[in-house]
C-alpha atoms as a PDB file:
ATOM      1  CA  MET A   1       8.416 107.812 107.032  1.00  0.00           C
ATOM      2  CA  TRP A   2       8.421 110.380 104.269  1.00  0.00           C
ATOM      3  CA  ILE A   3       9.474 110.646 100.489  1.00  0.00           C
ATOM      4  CA  ILE A   4      10.864 113.936  99.237  1.00  0.00           C
ATOM      5  CA  LEU A   5       9.494 114.610  95.620  1.00  0.00           C
ATOM      6  CA  ARG A   6      11.116 117.154  93.287  1.00  0.00           C
ATOM      7  CA  ASP A   7       8.693 119.375  91.646  1.00  0.00           C
ATOM      8  CA  LYS A   8       9.289 123.024  90.052  1.00  0.00           C
ATOM      9  CA  GLY A   9      12.337 123.169  92.226  1.00  0.00           C
ATOM     10  CA  GLU A  10      10.174 122.959  95.374  1.00  0.00           C
ATOM     11  CA  ASN A  11      10.806 120.068  97.949  1.00  0.00           C
ATOM     12  CA  ARG A  12       7.477 118.304  98.513  1.00  0.00           C
ATOM     13  CA  MET A  13       6.765 115.124 100.309  1.00  0.00           C
ATOM     14  CA  ILE A  14       4.431 112.357 100.531  1.00  0.00           C
ATOM     15  CA  LEU A  15       3.504 112.114 104.194  1.00  0.00           C
ATOM     16  CA  ALA A  16       1.829 108.989 105.649  1.00  0.00           C
ATOM     17  CA  THR A  17      -0.994 110.239 108.324  1.00  0.00           C
ATOM     18  CA  LYS A  18      -2.749 108.508 111.082  1.00  0.00           C
ATOM     19  CA  TYR A  19      -6.162 109.770 109.983  1.00  0.00           C
ATOM     20  CA  HIS A  20      -6.029 110.749 106.172  1.00  0.00           C
ATOM     21  CA  GLY A  21      -3.891 108.342 104.380  1.00  0.00           C
ATOM     22  CA  GLU A  22      -1.327 109.807 102.386  1.00  0.00           C
ATOM     23  CA  VAL A  23      -1.110 113.631 101.949  1.00  0.00           C
ATOM     24  CA  GLU A  24       1.342 115.863  99.772  1.00  0.00           C
ATOM     25  CA  VAL A  25       3.066 118.527 101.681  1.00  0.00           C
ATOM     26  CA  GLU A  26       5.583 121.138 101.096  1.00  0.00           C
ATOM     27  CA  GLU A  27       8.690 120.709 103.240  1.00  0.00           C
ATOM     28  CA  ARG A  28       8.439 124.381 104.345  1.00  0.00           C
ATOM     29  CA  GLU A  29       5.151 123.461 106.101  1.00  0.00           C
ATOM     30  CA  ILE A  30       6.583 121.359 108.494  1.00  0.00           C
ATOM     31  CA  TRP A  31       7.180 122.406 112.028  1.00  0.00           C
ATOM     32  CA  GLU A  32      10.464 121.749 114.007  1.00  0.00           C
ATOM     33  CA  PHE A  33      10.340 120.846 117.662  1.00  0.00           C
ATOM     34  CA  PRO A  34      14.003 120.717 118.467  1.00  0.00           C
ATOM     35  CA  LYS A  35      13.361 119.221 121.789  1.00  0.00           C
ATOM     36  CA  GLY A  36      10.504 116.912 120.650  1.00  0.00           C
ATOM     37  CA  ILE A  37       7.355 117.001 122.725  1.00  0.00           C
ATOM     38  CA  PRO A  38       7.117 115.513 126.277  1.00  0.00           C
ATOM     39  CA  GLY A  39       6.575 111.719 126.059  1.00  0.00           C
ATOM     40  CA  PHE A  40       7.727 111.991 122.209  1.00  0.00           C
ATOM     41  CA  LEU A  41      11.265 113.349 122.407  1.00  0.00           C
ATOM     42  CA  GLU A  42      12.471 111.577 119.429  1.00  0.00           C
ATOM     43  CA  GLU A  43       9.614 113.200 117.338  1.00  0.00           C
ATOM     44  CA  LYS A  44      10.982 116.436 116.272  1.00  0.00           C
ATOM     45  CA  GLN A  45       9.056 117.065 112.770  1.00  0.00           C
ATOM     46  CA  PHE A  46       5.430 117.723 112.728  1.00  0.00           C
ATOM     47  CA  TYR A  47       2.936 118.725 109.841  1.00  0.00           C
ATOM     48  CA  LEU A  48      -0.148 120.689 110.782  1.00  0.00           C
ATOM     49  CA  TYR A  49      -3.419 120.603 109.125  1.00  0.00           C
ATOM     50  CA  HIS A  50      -7.003 121.207 109.697  1.00  0.00           C
ATOM     51  CA  LEU A  51      -9.648 118.647 109.884  1.00  0.00           C
ATOM     52  CA  THR A  52     -11.982 118.907 107.103  1.00  0.00           C
ATOM     53  CA  ASP A  53     -15.217 119.460 108.656  1.00  0.00           C
ATOM     54  CA  HIS A  54     -14.119 121.366 111.697  1.00  0.00           C
ATOM     55  CA  GLU A  55     -12.328 124.655 111.378  1.00  0.00           C
ATOM     56  CA  LEU A  56     -11.532 124.793 115.044  1.00  0.00           C
ATOM     57  CA  PHE A  57      -9.652 121.458 115.178  1.00  0.00           C
ATOM     58  CA  SER A  58      -6.407 120.377 113.651  1.00  0.00           C
ATOM     59  CA  ILE A  59      -3.993 117.519 113.454  1.00  0.00           C
ATOM     60  CA  LEU A  60      -0.511 117.802 114.534  1.00  0.00           C
ATOM     61  CA  GLN A  61       0.944 114.942 112.523  1.00  0.00           C
ATOM     62  CA  SER A  62       4.599 113.309 112.989  1.00  0.00           C
ATOM     63  CA  VAL A  63       6.396 113.352 109.984  1.00  0.00           C
ATOM     64  CA  ASN A  64       8.524 110.083 110.935  1.00  0.00           C
ATOM     65  CA  ASN A  65       5.628 108.096 112.508  1.00  0.00           C
ATOM     66  CA  LYS A  66       2.146 107.955 111.349  1.00  0.00           C
ATOM     67  CA  GLU A  67       0.926 106.502 114.325  1.00  0.00           C
ATOM     68  CA  ILE A  68       1.740 109.864 116.435  1.00  0.00           C
ATOM     69  CA  ALA A  69      -0.709 112.310 115.715  1.00  0.00           C
ATOM     70  CA  PHE A  70      -2.445 114.899 117.991  1.00  0.00           C
ATOM     71  CA  ILE A  71      -6.081 116.725 117.762  1.00  0.00           C
ATOM     72  CA  ILE A  72      -5.287 120.219 118.627  1.00  0.00           C
ATOM     73  CA  THR A  73      -7.317 123.448 119.050  1.00  0.00           C
ATOM     74  CA  ASN A  74      -6.757 127.232 119.340  1.00  0.00           C
ATOM     75  CA  PRO A  75      -7.417 127.482 123.326  1.00  0.00           C
ATOM     76  CA  PHE A  76      -8.637 130.857 123.078  1.00  0.00           C
ATOM     77  CA  ALA A  77     -11.764 129.913 120.979  1.00  0.00           C
ATOM     78  CA  PHE A  78     -12.915 127.708 124.016  1.00  0.00           C
ATOM     79  CA  PHE A  79     -11.124 129.487 127.072  1.00  0.00           C
ATOM     80  CA  PRO A  80     -11.112 133.232 126.354  1.00  0.00           C
ATOM     81  CA  GLU A  81      -9.805 133.971 129.770  1.00  0.00           C
ATOM     82  CA  TYR A  82      -6.802 131.789 128.910  1.00  0.00           C
ATOM     83  CA  ASP A  83      -3.605 133.849 130.000  1.00  0.00           C
ATOM     84  CA  PHE A  84       0.191 133.058 130.614  1.00  0.00           C
ATOM     85  CA  THR A  85       3.462 134.695 130.294  1.00  0.00           C
ATOM     86  CA  LEU A  86       6.266 133.103 128.339  1.00  0.00           C
ATOM     87  CA  ASP A  87       9.666 132.677 130.008  1.00  0.00           C
ATOM     88  CA  ASP A  88      12.327 134.635 128.537  1.00  0.00           C
ATOM     89  CA  ASN A  89      14.334 131.318 127.531  1.00  0.00           C
ATOM     90  CA  VAL A  90      11.232 130.328 125.820  1.00  0.00           C
ATOM     91  CA  VAL A  91      11.061 133.293 123.470  1.00  0.00           C
ATOM     92  CA  ASP A  92      14.840 133.247 122.983  1.00  0.00           C
ATOM     93  CA  PHE A  93      14.602 129.540 122.236  1.00  0.00           C
ATOM     94  CA  LEU A  94      11.745 129.861 119.566  1.00  0.00           C
ATOM     95  CA  GLN A  95      13.294 133.096 118.298  1.00  0.00           C
ATOM     96  CA  LEU A  96      10.280 135.113 118.771  1.00  0.00           C
ATOM     97  CA  GLU A  97      10.413 138.758 117.829  1.00  0.00           C
ATOM     98  CA  ASN A  98       6.851 140.138 118.731  1.00  0.00           C
ATOM     99  CA  SER A  99       3.436 138.511 119.735  1.00  0.00           C
ATOM    100  CA  ASN A 100       2.244 138.455 116.228  1.00  0.00           C
ATOM    101  CA  ASP A 101       4.690 135.786 115.460  1.00  0.00           C
ATOM    102  CA  VAL A 102       3.356 133.145 117.949  1.00  0.00           C
ATOM    103  CA  LEU A 103       0.407 130.723 117.628  1.00  0.00           C
ATOM    104  CA  THR A 104      -0.775 128.888 120.559  1.00  0.00           C
ATOM    105  CA  LEU A 105      -2.466 125.395 120.247  1.00  0.00           C
ATOM    106  CA  VAL A 106      -3.325 122.951 122.996  1.00  0.00           C
ATOM    107  CA  ILE A 107      -3.663 119.103 122.624  1.00  0.00           C
ATOM    108  CA  LEU A 108      -7.119 117.559 123.313  1.00  0.00           C
ATOM    109  CA  THR A 109      -7.936 114.210 124.910  1.00  0.00           C
ATOM    110  CA  LEU A 110     -11.046 113.295 123.024  1.00  0.00           C
ATOM    111  CA  GLY A 111     -14.177 111.821 124.873  1.00  0.00           C
ATOM    112  CA  ASP A 112     -17.325 110.425 123.106  1.00  0.00           C
ATOM    113  CA  THR A 113     -18.511 113.947 122.823  1.00  0.00           C
ATOM    114  CA  LEU A 114     -16.668 117.368 122.596  1.00  0.00           C
ATOM    115  CA  SER A 115     -18.312 118.072 126.211  1.00  0.00           C
ATOM    116  CA  ASN A 116     -16.473 114.958 127.709  1.00  0.00           C
ATOM    117  CA  SER A 117     -13.254 115.933 126.130  1.00  0.00           C
ATOM    118  CA  THR A 118     -10.254 117.801 128.004  1.00  0.00           C
ATOM    119  CA  ALA A 119      -7.778 120.137 126.824  1.00  0.00           C
ATOM    120  CA  ASN A 120      -4.230 120.471 128.215  1.00  0.00           C
ATOM    121  CA  LEU A 121      -4.055 123.995 129.052  1.00  0.00           C
ATOM    122  CA  GLN A 122      -0.976 123.239 131.356  1.00  0.00           C
ATOM    123  CA  ALA A 123       1.171 122.454 128.402  1.00  0.00           C
ATOM    124  CA  PRO A 124       0.333 124.770 125.455  1.00  0.00           C
ATOM    125  CA  LEU A 125       2.402 124.509 122.165  1.00  0.00           C
ATOM    126  CA  ILE A 126       3.937 127.616 121.460  1.00  0.00           C
ATOM    127  CA  MET A 127       4.893 128.011 117.479  1.00  0.00           C
ATOM    128  CA  ASN A 128       6.681 130.638 115.817  1.00  0.00           C
ATOM    129  CA  ILE A 129       4.846 131.068 112.492  1.00  0.00           C
ATOM    130  CA  LYS A 130       7.900 132.843 110.780  1.00  0.00           C
ATOM    131  CA  ASN A 131      10.453 130.188 111.364  1.00  0.00           C
ATOM    132  CA  LYS A 132       8.369 127.069 112.177  1.00  0.00           C
ATOM    133  CA  ARG A 133      10.009 126.448 115.181  1.00  0.00           C
ATOM    134  CA  ALA A 134       7.801 125.097 118.159  1.00  0.00           C
ATOM    135  CA  LYS A 135       7.848 123.942 121.793  1.00  0.00           C
ATOM    136  CA  GLN A 136       5.556 122.599 124.307  1.00  0.00           C
ATOM    137  CA  VAL A 137       5.654 124.696 127.226  1.00  0.00           C
ATOM    138  CA  ILE A 138       4.860 123.252 130.683  1.00  0.00           C
ATOM    139  CA  LEU A 139       3.340 126.218 132.800  1.00  0.00           C
ATOM    140  CA  HIS A 140       4.426 126.279 136.226  1.00  0.00           C
ATOM    141  CA  ASP A 141       2.353 128.066 139.255  1.00  0.00           C
ATOM    142  CA  THR A 142      -0.752 127.763 137.478  1.00  0.00           C
ATOM    143  CA  ASP A 143      -4.484 126.271 138.213  1.00  0.00           C
ATOM    144  CA  TYR A 144      -4.389 124.904 134.423  1.00  0.00           C
ATOM    145  CA  GLN A 145      -4.697 121.271 134.202  1.00  0.00           C
ATOM    146  CA  THR A 146      -3.399 118.854 131.717  1.00  0.00           C
ATOM    147  CA  LYS A 147      -7.100 117.608 131.548  1.00  0.00           C
ATOM    148  CA  HIS A 148      -8.939 120.791 131.693  1.00  0.00           C
ATOM    149  CA  PRO A 149     -12.625 119.959 131.194  1.00  0.00           C
ATOM    150  CA  MET A 150     -14.321 121.411 128.034  1.00  0.00           C
ATOM    151  CA  LYS A 151     -17.780 120.607 129.188  1.00  0.00           C
ATOM    152  CA  GLN A 152     -18.032 123.701 131.039  1.00  0.00           C
ATOM    153  CA  ILE A 153     -17.078 125.822 127.914  1.00  0.00           C
ATOM    154  CA  VAL A 154     -19.408 123.752 125.534  1.00  0.00           C
ATOM    155  CA  LYS A 155     -22.574 124.481 127.915  1.00  0.00           C
ATOM    156  CA  GLN A 156     -21.822 128.141 127.752  1.00  0.00           C
ATOM    157  CA  GLY A 157     -21.149 128.357 124.083  1.00  0.00           C
END
């Protein structure tokens, strides 16, 4: 649940988060997932913020349910060879005009260490940074996994 405050004509809200208590955010910082996220179809609005101590990791926090928060990362930081092509329907749905508008993130499943964690490379989050519209896209005909091991990457880096 969130509360909208008025401050200098801008919408701000106090958002209850799973990991950082209450935070104040601007309404324009909210990402819209019009169709939700698979498994969480009713959750359509999320706030994205960086973990304080780790620049590579962020939290995708549901606006309406503080218990729904995902640890995410830029997949290219860990998997530089990660590559896929977006379907035209996804491009149209997100209203993407060019590749510079795209932010690609993946959801992590954390283990007791980073090397025991996994990344969902089969279903990246594709986000339009211009209009804050986003979608989790399920890639077909790929070797990417929903629990792609990070340990091989951590050993190399």
